[in-house]
Amino acid sequence: MVKQYADYDVPIDYFKAGQLLVDWAVVQTEGHLNALVLISTGPLSTDSMMAGIEHELTKCDDCQTKVINVPVVDWGTRITPNVQSALLADPSVNYIIIIYDSMAQFVVPAVTITGAEVGIDAFNGTPFVLGLVQQGQVEMDIGENLDWIGHAIMDAEMRLLCGLPPVENPKIPFYIFDQHNAKDAGTPPELSKGYGDAYIDGYAKLWMLK
């Protein structure tokens, strides 16, 4: 007997996020990607992001990766030494892809210690990591606006309560932050800042509040 704990969900395209991480790294390395991919198995989004990463890598003939899987509870003790060892073992590594950007706080020290010349991209848009983008320590961070996601969840729930069909595509966007626009998130960066605010007015009109 299968237990059902939820009736519906609001889908976010983590597969696309994985694709974008690879696409960016491939462009930055001019099609010669040799990357460390930092993941944490457990969260369901990891599977989707890894599927997107693997799908995109099939399009690159001269790309290779090594996956380093560190559980969330071990980030503080295992990421830095594992990345440091991997960079020393293979000096040809030219990029580090991080699927959850908070891992960057433990990746950057490993890069500094080894003196490796590698780019770093990541996903989430966590404010302190956007600060690392502003400082040039992380090259790119794909942001997701949690306030926008909150609006989308409320919209989906209200539709269900009113007996309307569930939302198939909530149109929750990603936003790519790099050194050119990371300042839009504030100095220091703030949560859900830098994405514009048109969605707030859009949802208010959709809900007939304006």
N, C-alpha and C. Protein backbone atom coordinates (compact mmCIF):
# COMPACT_ATOMS: atom_id res chain seq x y z
N MET A 1 0.85 -1.19 0.00
CA MET A 1 0.00 0.00 0.00
C MET A 1 0.89 1.25 0.00
N VAL A 2 0.67 2.15 -0.97
CA VAL A 2 1.46 3.36 -1.09
C VAL A 2 0.78 4.49 -0.32
N LYS A 3 1.52 5.13 0.58
CA LYS A 3 0.97 6.25 1.32
C LYS A 3 1.14 7.53 0.51
N GLN A 4 0.08 8.32 0.49
CA GLN A 4 0.12 9.58 -0.23
C GLN A 4 0.11 10.71 0.78
N TYR A 5 1.17 11.51 0.76
CA TYR A 5 1.31 12.57 1.74
C TYR A 5 0.93 13.94 1.18
N ALA A 6 0.79 14.06 -0.12
CA ALA A 6 0.42 15.33 -0.73
C ALA A 6 -0.47 15.08 -1.94
N ASP A 7 -1.41 15.96 -2.15
CA ASP A 7 -2.31 15.81 -3.29
C ASP A 7 -1.75 16.47 -4.54
N TYR A 8 -1.07 17.62 -4.37
CA TYR A 8 -0.53 18.36 -5.50
C TYR A 8 0.78 19.02 -5.08
N ASP A 9 1.54 19.44 -6.07
CA ASP A 9 2.71 20.26 -5.78
C ASP A 9 2.80 21.37 -6.80
N VAL A 10 3.64 22.35 -6.50
CA VAL A 10 3.90 23.45 -7.42
C VAL A 10 5.28 23.18 -8.02
N PRO A 11 5.33 22.75 -9.28
CA PRO A 11 6.60 22.32 -9.85
C PRO A 11 7.57 23.45 -10.15
N ILE A 12 8.83 23.22 -9.83
CA ILE A 12 9.91 24.14 -10.19
C ILE A 12 10.87 23.33 -11.07
N ASP A 13 11.33 23.92 -12.15
CA ASP A 13 12.08 23.18 -13.17
C ASP A 13 13.56 23.03 -12.78
N TYR A 14 13.82 22.15 -11.82
CA TYR A 14 15.21 21.93 -11.39
C TYR A 14 16.02 21.24 -12.49
N PHE A 15 15.35 20.49 -13.36
CA PHE A 15 16.03 19.91 -14.53
C PHE A 15 16.66 21.03 -15.35
N LYS A 16 15.90 22.08 -15.59
CA LYS A 16 16.41 23.23 -16.35
C LYS A 16 17.57 23.90 -15.61
N ALA A 17 17.47 23.98 -14.29
CA ALA A 17 18.56 24.58 -13.51
C ALA A 17 19.86 23.81 -13.72
N GLY A 18 19.77 22.48 -13.72
CA GLY A 18 20.95 21.66 -13.97
C GLY A 18 21.53 21.90 -15.36
N GLN A 19 20.64 22.02 -16.34
CA GLN A 19 21.10 22.30 -17.70
C GLN A 19 21.82 23.64 -17.78
N LEU A 20 21.27 24.64 -17.13
CA LEU A 20 21.87 25.98 -17.18
C LEU A 20 23.25 26.01 -16.53
N LEU A 21 23.41 25.27 -15.43
CA LEU A 21 24.72 25.21 -14.78
C LEU A 21 25.78 24.67 -15.73
N VAL A 22 25.43 23.61 -16.45
CA VAL A 22 26.38 23.02 -17.40
C VAL A 22 26.60 23.95 -18.59
N ASP A 23 25.52 24.50 -19.12
CA ASP A 23 25.64 25.39 -20.28
C ASP A 23 26.61 26.53 -19.99
N TRP A 24 26.45 27.15 -18.82
CA TRP A 24 27.31 28.27 -18.45
C TRP A 24 28.78 27.81 -18.38
N ALA A 25 29.01 26.69 -17.70
CA ALA A 25 30.38 26.21 -17.51
C ALA A 25 31.02 25.82 -18.84
N VAL A 26 30.24 25.24 -19.74
CA VAL A 26 30.76 24.84 -21.05
C VAL A 26 31.17 26.08 -21.85
N VAL A 27 30.34 27.11 -21.80
CA VAL A 27 30.67 28.35 -22.53
C VAL A 27 31.93 28.98 -21.95
N GLN A 28 32.04 29.02 -20.62
CA GLN A 28 33.19 29.66 -19.98
C GLN A 28 34.49 28.90 -20.27
N THR A 29 34.40 27.60 -20.49
CA THR A 29 35.59 26.80 -20.77
C THR A 29 35.75 26.51 -22.26
N GLU A 30 34.95 27.21 -23.08
CA GLU A 30 35.02 27.10 -24.53
C GLU A 30 34.88 25.65 -25.01
N GLY A 31 34.00 24.92 -24.36
CA GLY A 31 33.70 23.56 -24.79
C GLY A 31 34.66 22.51 -24.30
N HIS A 32 35.59 22.89 -23.42
CA HIS A 32 36.56 21.93 -22.90
C HIS A 32 36.41 21.84 -21.37
N LEU A 33 35.27 21.36 -20.95
CA LEU A 33 34.92 21.36 -19.53
C LEU A 33 35.48 20.13 -18.82
N ASN A 34 36.19 20.38 -17.74
CA ASN A 34 36.60 19.32 -16.83
C ASN A 34 36.20 19.77 -15.43
N ALA A 35 35.04 19.33 -14.98
CA ALA A 35 34.42 19.93 -13.80
C ALA A 35 34.27 18.97 -12.63
N LEU A 36 34.35 19.55 -11.45
CA LEU A 36 33.88 18.88 -10.25
C LEU A 36 32.43 19.30 -10.06
N VAL A 37 31.56 18.33 -9.79
CA VAL A 37 30.14 18.63 -9.56
C VAL A 37 29.83 18.29 -8.12
N LEU A 38 29.48 19.30 -7.34
CA LEU A 38 29.19 19.12 -5.92
C LEU A 38 27.70 18.91 -5.73
N ILE A 39 27.30 17.76 -5.17
CA ILE A 39 25.90 17.46 -4.97
C ILE A 39 25.66 16.97 -3.54
N SER A 40 24.39 16.89 -3.19
CA SER A 40 23.96 16.26 -1.93
C SER A 40 22.72 15.43 -2.23
N THR A 41 22.86 14.12 -2.19
CA THR A 41 21.70 13.28 -2.42
C THR A 41 20.80 13.33 -1.19
N GLY A 42 19.53 13.15 -1.42
CA GLY A 42 18.54 13.23 -0.35
C GLY A 42 17.39 14.12 -0.76
N PRO A 43 17.64 15.43 -0.95
CA PRO A 43 16.58 16.30 -1.47
C PRO A 43 16.12 15.85 -2.85
N LEU A 44 14.80 15.86 -3.09
CA LEU A 44 14.27 15.40 -4.37
C LEU A 44 14.78 16.25 -5.52
N SER A 45 15.06 17.52 -5.26
CA SER A 45 15.54 18.40 -6.33
C SER A 45 16.89 17.95 -6.87
N THR A 46 17.68 17.24 -6.04
CA THR A 46 18.99 16.77 -6.50
C THR A 46 18.85 15.85 -7.70
N ASP A 47 17.89 14.93 -7.66
CA ASP A 47 17.71 14.00 -8.77
C ASP A 47 17.38 14.74 -10.06
N SER A 48 16.49 15.74 -9.96
CA SER A 48 16.10 16.49 -11.15
C SER A 48 17.28 17.30 -11.70
N MET A 49 18.04 17.92 -10.80
CA MET A 49 19.16 18.72 -11.25
C MET A 49 20.25 17.86 -11.88
N MET A 50 20.51 16.70 -11.28
CA MET A 50 21.52 15.81 -11.85
C MET A 50 21.08 15.28 -13.20
N ALA A 51 19.78 15.04 -13.37
CA ALA A 51 19.27 14.59 -14.67
C ALA A 51 19.51 15.68 -15.72
N GLY A 52 19.29 16.94 -15.33
CA GLY A 52 19.54 18.04 -16.26
C GLY A 52 21.01 18.19 -16.59
N ILE A 53 21.86 18.03 -15.57
CA ILE A 53 23.31 18.10 -15.78
C ILE A 53 23.77 17.00 -16.74
N GLU A 54 23.34 15.78 -16.47
CA GLU A 54 23.76 14.65 -17.30
C GLU A 54 23.24 14.77 -18.72
N HIS A 55 22.01 15.25 -18.87
CA HIS A 55 21.44 15.43 -20.20
C HIS A 55 22.26 16.44 -21.02
N GLU A 56 22.64 17.53 -20.39
CA GLU A 56 23.37 18.57 -21.10
C GLU A 56 24.79 18.14 -21.44
N LEU A 57 25.39 17.32 -20.58
CA LEU A 57 26.76 16.85 -20.84
C LEU A 57 26.85 15.95 -22.06
N THR A 58 25.72 15.30 -22.41
CA THR A 58 25.73 14.44 -23.60
C THR A 58 25.92 15.25 -24.88
N LYS A 59 25.71 16.56 -24.80
CA LYS A 59 25.83 17.41 -25.98
C LYS A 59 27.26 17.91 -26.18
N CYS A 60 28.13 17.63 -25.22
CA CYS A 60 29.49 18.16 -25.27
C CYS A 60 30.48 17.01 -25.45
N ASP A 61 31.19 17.01 -26.57
CA ASP A 61 32.11 15.91 -26.87
C ASP A 61 33.38 15.95 -26.02
N ASP A 62 33.78 17.13 -25.60
CA ASP A 62 35.02 17.26 -24.84
C ASP A 62 34.74 17.78 -23.43
N CYS A 63 33.80 17.14 -22.77
CA CYS A 63 33.45 17.52 -21.41
C CYS A 63 33.51 16.30 -20.50
N GLN A 64 34.05 16.49 -19.32
CA GLN A 64 34.09 15.42 -18.34
C GLN A 64 33.85 15.98 -16.95
N THR A 65 33.33 15.15 -16.09
CA THR A 65 33.02 15.61 -14.73
C THR A 65 33.36 14.52 -13.72
N LYS A 66 33.59 14.98 -12.51
CA LYS A 66 33.72 14.09 -11.37
C LYS A 66 32.73 14.58 -10.32
N VAL A 67 31.88 13.68 -9.84
CA VAL A 67 30.85 14.05 -8.87
C VAL A 67 31.36 13.83 -7.45
N ILE A 68 31.18 14.85 -6.62
CA ILE A 68 31.49 14.73 -5.19
C ILE A 68 30.17 14.89 -4.43
N ASN A 69 29.77 13.84 -3.76
CA ASN A 69 28.48 13.81 -3.05
C ASN A 69 28.73 13.96 -1.55
N VAL A 70 28.25 15.05 -0.98
CA VAL A 70 28.45 15.30 0.45
C VAL A 70 27.09 15.56 1.10
N PRO A 71 26.65 14.73 2.05
CA PRO A 71 25.39 14.99 2.74
C PRO A 71 25.40 16.35 3.43
N VAL A 72 24.24 16.94 3.55
CA VAL A 72 24.13 18.29 4.11
C VAL A 72 24.80 18.38 5.49
N VAL A 73 24.61 17.35 6.31
CA VAL A 73 25.15 17.40 7.68
C VAL A 73 26.67 17.40 7.70
N ASP A 74 27.31 17.02 6.58
CA ASP A 74 28.77 16.95 6.53
C ASP A 74 29.41 18.08 5.74
N TRP A 75 28.63 19.04 5.29
CA TRP A 75 29.19 20.10 4.47
C TRP A 75 30.37 20.79 5.15
N GLY A 76 30.22 21.12 6.42
CA GLY A 76 31.23 21.89 7.13
C GLY A 76 32.54 21.16 7.34
N THR A 77 32.52 19.83 7.28
CA THR A 77 33.74 19.06 7.56
C THR A 77 34.31 18.35 6.34
N ARG A 78 33.49 18.10 5.33
CA ARG A 78 33.95 17.26 4.23
C ARG A 78 34.14 17.96 2.90
N ILE A 79 33.45 19.07 2.68
CA ILE A 79 33.54 19.69 1.36
C ILE A 79 34.94 20.25 1.09
N THR A 80 35.46 21.05 2.00
CA THR A 80 36.76 21.68 1.76
C THR A 80 37.87 20.64 1.51
N PRO A 81 38.05 19.63 2.37
CA PRO A 81 39.13 18.67 2.11
C PRO A 81 38.90 17.84 0.86
N ASN A 82 37.65 17.50 0.56
CA ASN A 82 37.36 16.71 -0.64
C ASN A 82 37.64 17.49 -1.91
N VAL A 83 37.23 18.75 -1.94
CA VAL A 83 37.50 19.58 -3.12
C VAL A 83 38.99 19.85 -3.24
N GLN A 84 39.64 20.12 -2.13
CA GLN A 84 41.08 20.37 -2.15
C GLN A 84 41.82 19.16 -2.70
N SER A 85 41.47 17.97 -2.24
CA SER A 85 42.12 16.74 -2.72
C SER A 85 41.88 16.53 -4.20
N ALA A 86 40.64 16.78 -4.64
CA ALA A 86 40.31 16.58 -6.05
C ALA A 86 41.07 17.55 -6.95
N LEU A 87 41.23 18.79 -6.51
CA LEU A 87 41.96 19.78 -7.30
C LEU A 87 43.45 19.46 -7.37
N LEU A 88 44.01 18.97 -6.28
CA LEU A 88 45.43 18.60 -6.27
C LEU A 88 45.68 17.34 -7.10
N ALA A 89 44.71 16.42 -7.07
CA ALA A 89 44.86 15.16 -7.81
C ALA A 89 44.74 15.38 -9.32
N ASP A 90 43.97 16.38 -9.72
CA ASP A 90 43.78 16.64 -11.15
C ASP A 90 43.85 18.14 -11.42
N PRO A 91 45.04 18.66 -11.68
CA PRO A 91 45.21 20.10 -11.92
C PRO A 91 44.51 20.59 -13.19
N SER A 92 44.01 19.65 -14.03
CA SER A 92 43.33 20.08 -15.26
C SER A 92 41.87 20.45 -15.02
N VAL A 93 41.38 20.24 -13.80
CA VAL A 93 40.01 20.66 -13.47
C VAL A 93 39.90 22.18 -13.69
N ASN A 94 38.91 22.60 -14.46
CA ASN A 94 38.80 24.02 -14.78
C ASN A 94 37.47 24.64 -14.36
N TYR A 95 36.62 23.85 -13.72
CA TYR A 95 35.34 24.42 -13.28
C TYR A 95 34.78 23.60 -12.12
N ILE A 96 34.00 24.28 -11.28
CA ILE A 96 33.30 23.61 -10.19
C ILE A 96 31.83 24.01 -10.28
N ILE A 97 30.98 23.02 -10.41
CA ILE A 97 29.53 23.22 -10.49
C ILE A 97 28.93 22.81 -9.15
N ILE A 98 28.18 23.72 -8.54
CA ILE A 98 27.62 23.49 -7.21
C ILE A 98 26.10 23.53 -7.32
N ILE A 99 25.41 22.44 -6.99
CA ILE A 99 23.96 22.45 -7.19
C ILE A 99 23.22 23.18 -6.07
N TYR A 100 23.81 23.32 -4.90
CA TYR A 100 23.21 24.12 -3.83
C TYR A 100 24.24 25.15 -3.39
N ASP A 101 23.96 26.41 -3.63
CA ASP A 101 25.02 27.41 -3.55
C ASP A 101 25.61 27.63 -2.16
N SER A 102 24.90 27.23 -1.10
CA SER A 102 25.47 27.40 0.23
C SER A 102 26.73 26.55 0.43
N MET A 103 26.93 25.56 -0.43
CA MET A 103 28.16 24.77 -0.39
C MET A 103 29.38 25.63 -0.73
N ALA A 104 29.14 26.75 -1.40
CA ALA A 104 30.25 27.58 -1.88
C ALA A 104 31.12 28.08 -0.74
N GLN A 105 30.55 28.28 0.44
CA GLN A 105 31.35 28.80 1.55
C GLN A 105 32.46 27.82 1.95
N PHE A 106 32.32 26.56 1.56
CA PHE A 106 33.34 25.56 1.86
C PHE A 106 34.17 25.21 0.63
N VAL A 107 33.66 25.58 -0.56
CA VAL A 107 34.40 25.34 -1.81
C VAL A 107 35.45 26.42 -2.02
N VAL A 108 35.07 27.67 -1.82
CA VAL A 108 35.99 28.79 -2.06
C VAL A 108 37.30 28.65 -1.27
N PRO A 109 37.27 28.26 0.02
CA PRO A 109 38.54 28.08 0.73
C PRO A 109 39.44 27.01 0.11
N ALA A 110 38.85 25.94 -0.41
CA ALA A 110 39.64 24.89 -1.05
C ALA A 110 40.32 25.41 -2.30
N VAL A 111 39.60 26.23 -3.07
CA VAL A 111 40.18 26.83 -4.27
C VAL A 111 41.32 27.78 -3.89
N THR A 112 41.11 28.55 -2.84
CA THR A 112 42.14 29.49 -2.38
C THR A 112 43.39 28.76 -1.91
N ILE A 113 43.20 27.71 -1.13
CA ILE A 113 44.33 26.94 -0.58
C ILE A 113 45.18 26.33 -1.69
N THR A 114 44.51 25.78 -2.70
CA THR A 114 45.24 25.09 -3.77
C THR A 114 45.77 26.04 -4.83
N GLY A 115 45.22 27.26 -4.86
CA GLY A 115 45.64 28.20 -5.90
C GLY A 115 45.13 27.82 -7.27
N ALA A 116 44.10 26.98 -7.32
CA ALA A 116 43.57 26.51 -8.60
C ALA A 116 42.86 27.64 -9.34
N GLU A 117 43.01 27.68 -10.66
CA GLU A 117 42.33 28.66 -11.48
C GLU A 117 41.08 28.00 -12.06
N VAL A 118 40.01 28.08 -11.33
CA VAL A 118 38.75 27.44 -11.73
C VAL A 118 37.61 28.43 -11.59
N GLY A 119 36.60 28.27 -12.45
CA GLY A 119 35.38 29.04 -12.29
C GLY A 119 34.42 28.26 -11.41
N ILE A 120 33.47 28.96 -10.83
CA ILE A 120 32.47 28.33 -9.98
C ILE A 120 31.10 28.87 -10.37
N ASP A 121 30.14 27.98 -10.62
CA ASP A 121 28.75 28.42 -10.73
C ASP A 121 27.89 27.58 -9.79
N ALA A 122 26.71 28.11 -9.49
CA ALA A 122 25.89 27.50 -8.44
C ALA A 122 24.42 27.83 -8.66
N PHE A 123 23.58 27.24 -7.83
CA PHE A 123 22.14 27.46 -7.93
C PHE A 123 21.55 27.78 -6.56
N ASN A 124 20.65 28.71 -6.50
CA ASN A 124 19.77 29.05 -5.37
C ASN A 124 19.57 30.55 -5.21
N GLY A 125 20.64 31.34 -5.32
CA GLY A 125 20.51 32.77 -5.11
C GLY A 125 20.51 33.16 -3.65
N THR A 126 21.20 32.38 -2.82
CA THR A 126 21.33 32.70 -1.40
C THR A 126 22.10 34.01 -1.26
N PRO A 127 21.61 34.95 -0.43
CA PRO A 127 22.23 36.28 -0.37
C PRO A 127 23.74 36.29 -0.16
N PHE A 128 24.27 35.49 0.78
CA PHE A 128 25.71 35.58 1.02
C PHE A 128 26.51 35.06 -0.17
N VAL A 129 25.92 34.16 -0.96
CA VAL A 129 26.62 33.67 -2.15
C VAL A 129 26.58 34.73 -3.25
N LEU A 130 25.49 35.48 -3.33
CA LEU A 130 25.47 36.60 -4.26
C LEU A 130 26.53 37.62 -3.87
N GLY A 131 26.84 37.71 -2.58
CA GLY A 131 27.96 38.53 -2.13
C GLY A 131 29.28 38.02 -2.67
N LEU A 132 29.42 36.68 -2.72
CA LEU A 132 30.64 36.09 -3.29
C LEU A 132 30.73 36.36 -4.79
N VAL A 133 29.57 36.43 -5.45
CA VAL A 133 29.56 36.79 -6.87
C VAL A 133 30.03 38.23 -7.03
N GLN A 134 29.54 39.11 -6.18
CA GLN A 134 29.96 40.51 -6.23
C GLN A 134 31.47 40.65 -6.01
N GLN A 135 32.03 39.77 -5.18
CA GLN A 135 33.45 39.82 -4.87
C GLN A 135 34.31 39.08 -5.90
N GLY A 136 33.67 38.39 -6.85
CA GLY A 136 34.41 37.67 -7.88
C GLY A 136 34.87 36.29 -7.46
N GLN A 137 34.42 35.81 -6.31
CA GLN A 137 34.83 34.48 -5.85
C GLN A 137 33.96 33.36 -6.42
N VAL A 138 32.73 33.69 -6.78
CA VAL A 138 31.84 32.79 -7.50
C VAL A 138 31.46 33.50 -8.79
N GLU A 139 31.52 32.78 -9.90
CA GLU A 139 31.32 33.44 -11.20
C GLU A 139 29.86 33.70 -11.50
N MET A 140 29.01 32.73 -11.17
CA MET A 140 27.59 32.86 -11.51
C MET A 140 26.74 32.09 -10.51
N ASP A 141 25.58 32.66 -10.19
CA ASP A 141 24.62 31.99 -9.30
C ASP A 141 23.23 32.13 -9.91
N ILE A 142 22.57 31.01 -10.12
CA ILE A 142 21.19 31.03 -10.63
C ILE A 142 20.26 31.25 -9.44
N GLY A 143 19.55 32.36 -9.46
CA GLY A 143 18.69 32.68 -8.34
C GLY A 143 17.25 32.24 -8.55
N GLU A 144 16.59 31.88 -7.46
CA GLU A 144 15.15 31.66 -7.47
C GLU A 144 14.56 32.58 -6.40
N ASN A 145 13.52 33.30 -6.77
CA ASN A 145 12.92 34.29 -5.89
C ASN A 145 11.91 33.61 -4.97
N LEU A 146 12.25 33.48 -3.68
CA LEU A 146 11.39 32.78 -2.74
C LEU A 146 10.06 33.50 -2.54
N ASP A 147 10.07 34.83 -2.63
CA ASP A 147 8.82 35.57 -2.51
C ASP A 147 7.90 35.26 -3.69
N TRP A 148 8.49 35.20 -4.89
CA TRP A 148 7.72 34.84 -6.09
C TRP A 148 7.17 33.42 -5.93
N ILE A 149 7.99 32.51 -5.45
CA ILE A 149 7.54 31.13 -5.23
C ILE A 149 6.39 31.10 -4.23
N GLY A 150 6.48 31.91 -3.16
CA GLY A 150 5.40 31.98 -2.19
C GLY A 150 4.10 32.43 -2.82
N HIS A 151 4.16 33.44 -3.70
CA HIS A 151 2.96 33.88 -4.41
C HIS A 151 2.39 32.76 -5.27
N ALA A 152 3.28 32.04 -5.94
CA ALA A 152 2.82 30.95 -6.82
C ALA A 152 2.15 29.85 -6.03
N ILE A 153 2.69 29.53 -4.85
CA ILE A 153 2.08 28.50 -4.00
C ILE A 153 0.70 28.94 -3.52
N MET A 154 0.59 30.19 -3.09
CA MET A 154 -0.71 30.71 -2.66
C MET A 154 -1.72 30.67 -3.80
N ASP A 155 -1.28 31.05 -4.99
CA ASP A 155 -2.16 31.02 -6.15
C ASP A 155 -2.67 29.60 -6.42
N ALA A 156 -1.75 28.64 -6.35
CA ALA A 156 -2.12 27.24 -6.60
C ALA A 156 -3.10 26.73 -5.53
N GLU A 157 -2.85 27.07 -4.28
CA GLU A 157 -3.71 26.59 -3.20
C GLU A 157 -5.11 27.21 -3.28
N MET A 158 -5.17 28.48 -3.61
CA MET A 158 -6.48 29.13 -3.72
C MET A 158 -7.28 28.54 -4.88
N ARG A 159 -6.62 28.20 -5.96
CA ARG A 159 -7.32 27.57 -7.08
C ARG A 159 -7.93 26.23 -6.65
N LEU A 160 -7.16 25.44 -5.90
CA LEU A 160 -7.67 24.15 -5.45
C LEU A 160 -8.84 24.31 -4.49
N LEU A 161 -8.74 25.28 -3.59
CA LEU A 161 -9.82 25.53 -2.64
C LEU A 161 -11.10 25.97 -3.34
N CYS A 162 -10.94 26.61 -4.49
CA CYS A 162 -12.10 27.08 -5.25
C CYS A 162 -12.59 26.04 -6.26
N GLY A 163 -11.99 24.86 -6.23
CA GLY A 163 -12.43 23.80 -7.13
C GLY A 163 -11.95 23.94 -8.55
N LEU A 164 -10.91 24.76 -8.76
CA LEU A 164 -10.35 24.95 -10.09
C LEU A 164 -9.27 23.90 -10.36
N PRO A 165 -8.93 23.66 -11.62
CA PRO A 165 -7.87 22.69 -11.94
C PRO A 165 -6.54 23.13 -11.35
N PRO A 166 -5.68 22.18 -10.97
CA PRO A 166 -4.36 22.54 -10.44
C PRO A 166 -3.50 23.21 -11.51
N VAL A 167 -2.57 24.01 -11.05
CA VAL A 167 -1.66 24.70 -11.97
C VAL A 167 -0.63 23.72 -12.50
N GLU A 168 -0.52 23.62 -13.80
CA GLU A 168 0.48 22.72 -14.39
C GLU A 168 1.82 23.42 -14.55
N ASN A 169 1.80 24.70 -14.88
CA ASN A 169 3.04 25.47 -15.04
C ASN A 169 2.88 26.80 -14.33
N PRO A 170 3.45 26.93 -13.13
CA PRO A 170 3.32 28.19 -12.38
C PRO A 170 4.19 29.31 -12.91
N LYS A 171 5.02 29.00 -13.91
CA LYS A 171 5.88 30.01 -14.54
C LYS A 171 6.78 30.72 -13.52
N ILE A 172 7.40 29.93 -12.67
CA ILE A 172 8.37 30.47 -11.71
C ILE A 172 9.73 30.57 -12.41
N PRO A 173 10.28 31.76 -12.53
CA PRO A 173 11.50 31.92 -13.31
C PRO A 173 12.78 31.72 -12.49
N PHE A 174 13.87 31.52 -13.21
CA PHE A 174 15.21 31.61 -12.63
C PHE A 174 15.84 32.92 -13.13
N TYR A 175 16.82 33.40 -12.39
CA TYR A 175 17.51 34.62 -12.79
C TYR A 175 19.00 34.41 -12.62
N ILE A 176 19.76 34.68 -13.65
CA ILE A 176 21.19 34.46 -13.61
C ILE A 176 21.90 35.72 -13.11
N PHE A 177 22.58 35.56 -11.98
CA PHE A 177 23.38 36.65 -11.41
C PHE A 177 24.86 36.40 -11.71
N ASP A 178 25.52 37.42 -12.25
CA ASP A 178 26.97 37.38 -12.38
C ASP A 178 27.50 38.76 -11.96
N GLN A 179 28.74 39.04 -12.22
CA GLN A 179 29.32 40.31 -11.75
C GLN A 179 28.68 41.53 -12.40
N HIS A 180 28.00 41.34 -13.51
CA HIS A 180 27.37 42.47 -14.19
C HIS A 180 26.09 42.93 -13.49
N ASN A 181 25.38 42.02 -12.84
CA ASN A 181 24.09 42.41 -12.27
C ASN A 181 23.90 41.99 -10.81
N ALA A 182 24.90 41.38 -10.20
CA ALA A 182 24.74 40.92 -8.82
C ALA A 182 24.46 42.07 -7.86
N LYS A 183 24.89 43.27 -8.23
CA LYS A 183 24.64 44.44 -7.38
C LYS A 183 23.15 44.73 -7.25
N ASP A 184 22.36 44.25 -8.22
CA ASP A 184 20.91 44.48 -8.17
C ASP A 184 20.26 43.79 -6.97
N ALA A 185 20.97 42.82 -6.40
CA ALA A 185 20.44 42.11 -5.23
C ALA A 185 20.69 42.89 -3.94
N GLY A 186 21.37 44.05 -4.06
CA GLY A 186 21.66 44.87 -2.89
C GLY A 186 23.09 44.70 -2.42
N THR A 187 23.57 45.65 -1.66
CA THR A 187 24.91 45.57 -1.07
C THR A 187 24.83 45.90 0.42
N PRO A 188 24.76 44.93 1.28
CA PRO A 188 24.87 43.50 0.96
C PRO A 188 23.59 42.95 0.33
N PRO A 189 23.68 41.81 -0.36
CA PRO A 189 22.51 41.23 -1.00
C PRO A 189 21.41 40.88 0.00
N GLU A 190 20.18 40.99 -0.49
CA GLU A 190 19.02 40.70 0.33
C GLU A 190 18.19 39.60 -0.32
N LEU A 191 17.45 38.87 0.50
CA LEU A 191 16.62 37.77 0.02
C LEU A 191 15.54 38.31 -0.93
N SER A 192 15.38 37.64 -2.07
CA SER A 192 14.33 37.94 -3.05
C SER A 192 14.45 39.33 -3.67
N LYS A 193 15.64 39.93 -3.63
CA LYS A 193 15.86 41.23 -4.24
C LYS A 193 16.67 41.06 -5.53
N GLY A 194 16.32 41.86 -6.53
CA GLY A 194 17.05 41.81 -7.79
C GLY A 194 16.27 41.17 -8.91
N TYR A 195 15.05 40.74 -8.64
CA TYR A 195 14.23 40.05 -9.62
C TYR A 195 13.14 40.95 -10.22
N GLY A 196 13.11 42.21 -9.78
CA GLY A 196 12.01 43.07 -10.17
C GLY A 196 10.80 42.80 -9.30
N ASP A 197 9.77 43.63 -9.47
CA ASP A 197 8.57 43.45 -8.64
C ASP A 197 7.29 43.40 -9.46
N ALA A 198 7.39 43.22 -10.75
CA ALA A 198 6.20 43.19 -11.61
C ALA A 198 5.26 42.04 -11.23
N TYR A 199 5.84 40.96 -10.73
CA TYR A 199 5.01 39.80 -10.37
C TYR A 199 4.04 40.12 -9.23
N ILE A 200 4.43 41.02 -8.33
CA ILE A 200 3.57 41.37 -7.20
C ILE A 200 2.28 42.02 -7.70
N ASP A 201 2.45 42.99 -8.59
CA ASP A 201 1.28 43.65 -9.18
C ASP A 201 0.50 42.67 -10.05
N GLY A 202 1.22 41.79 -10.73
CA GLY A 202 0.56 40.81 -11.60
C GLY A 202 -0.34 39.87 -10.82
N TYR A 203 0.17 39.36 -9.69
CA TYR A 203 -0.66 38.47 -8.87
C TYR A 203 -1.83 39.23 -8.25
N ALA A 204 -1.61 40.48 -7.84
CA ALA A 204 -2.69 41.27 -7.24
C ALA A 204 -3.83 41.47 -8.24
N LYS A 205 -3.46 41.73 -9.50
CA LYS A 205 -4.49 41.89 -10.53
C LYS A 205 -5.17 40.55 -10.83
N LEU A 206 -4.40 39.47 -10.86
CA LEU A 206 -4.97 38.15 -11.11
C LEU A 206 -5.97 37.77 -10.03
N TRP A 207 -5.65 38.13 -8.79
CA TRP A 207 -6.54 37.81 -7.67
C TRP A 207 -7.63 38.85 -7.47
N MET A 208 -7.70 39.81 -8.41
CA MET A 208 -8.70 40.88 -8.37
C MET A 208 -8.63 41.71 -7.09
N LEU A 209 -7.40 41.95 -6.66
CA LEU A 209 -7.18 42.81 -5.49
C LEU A 209 -6.88 44.23 -5.93
N LYS A 210 -6.75 44.44 -7.25
CA LYS A 210 -6.47 45.78 -7.78
C LYS A 210 -7.40 46.04 -8.96
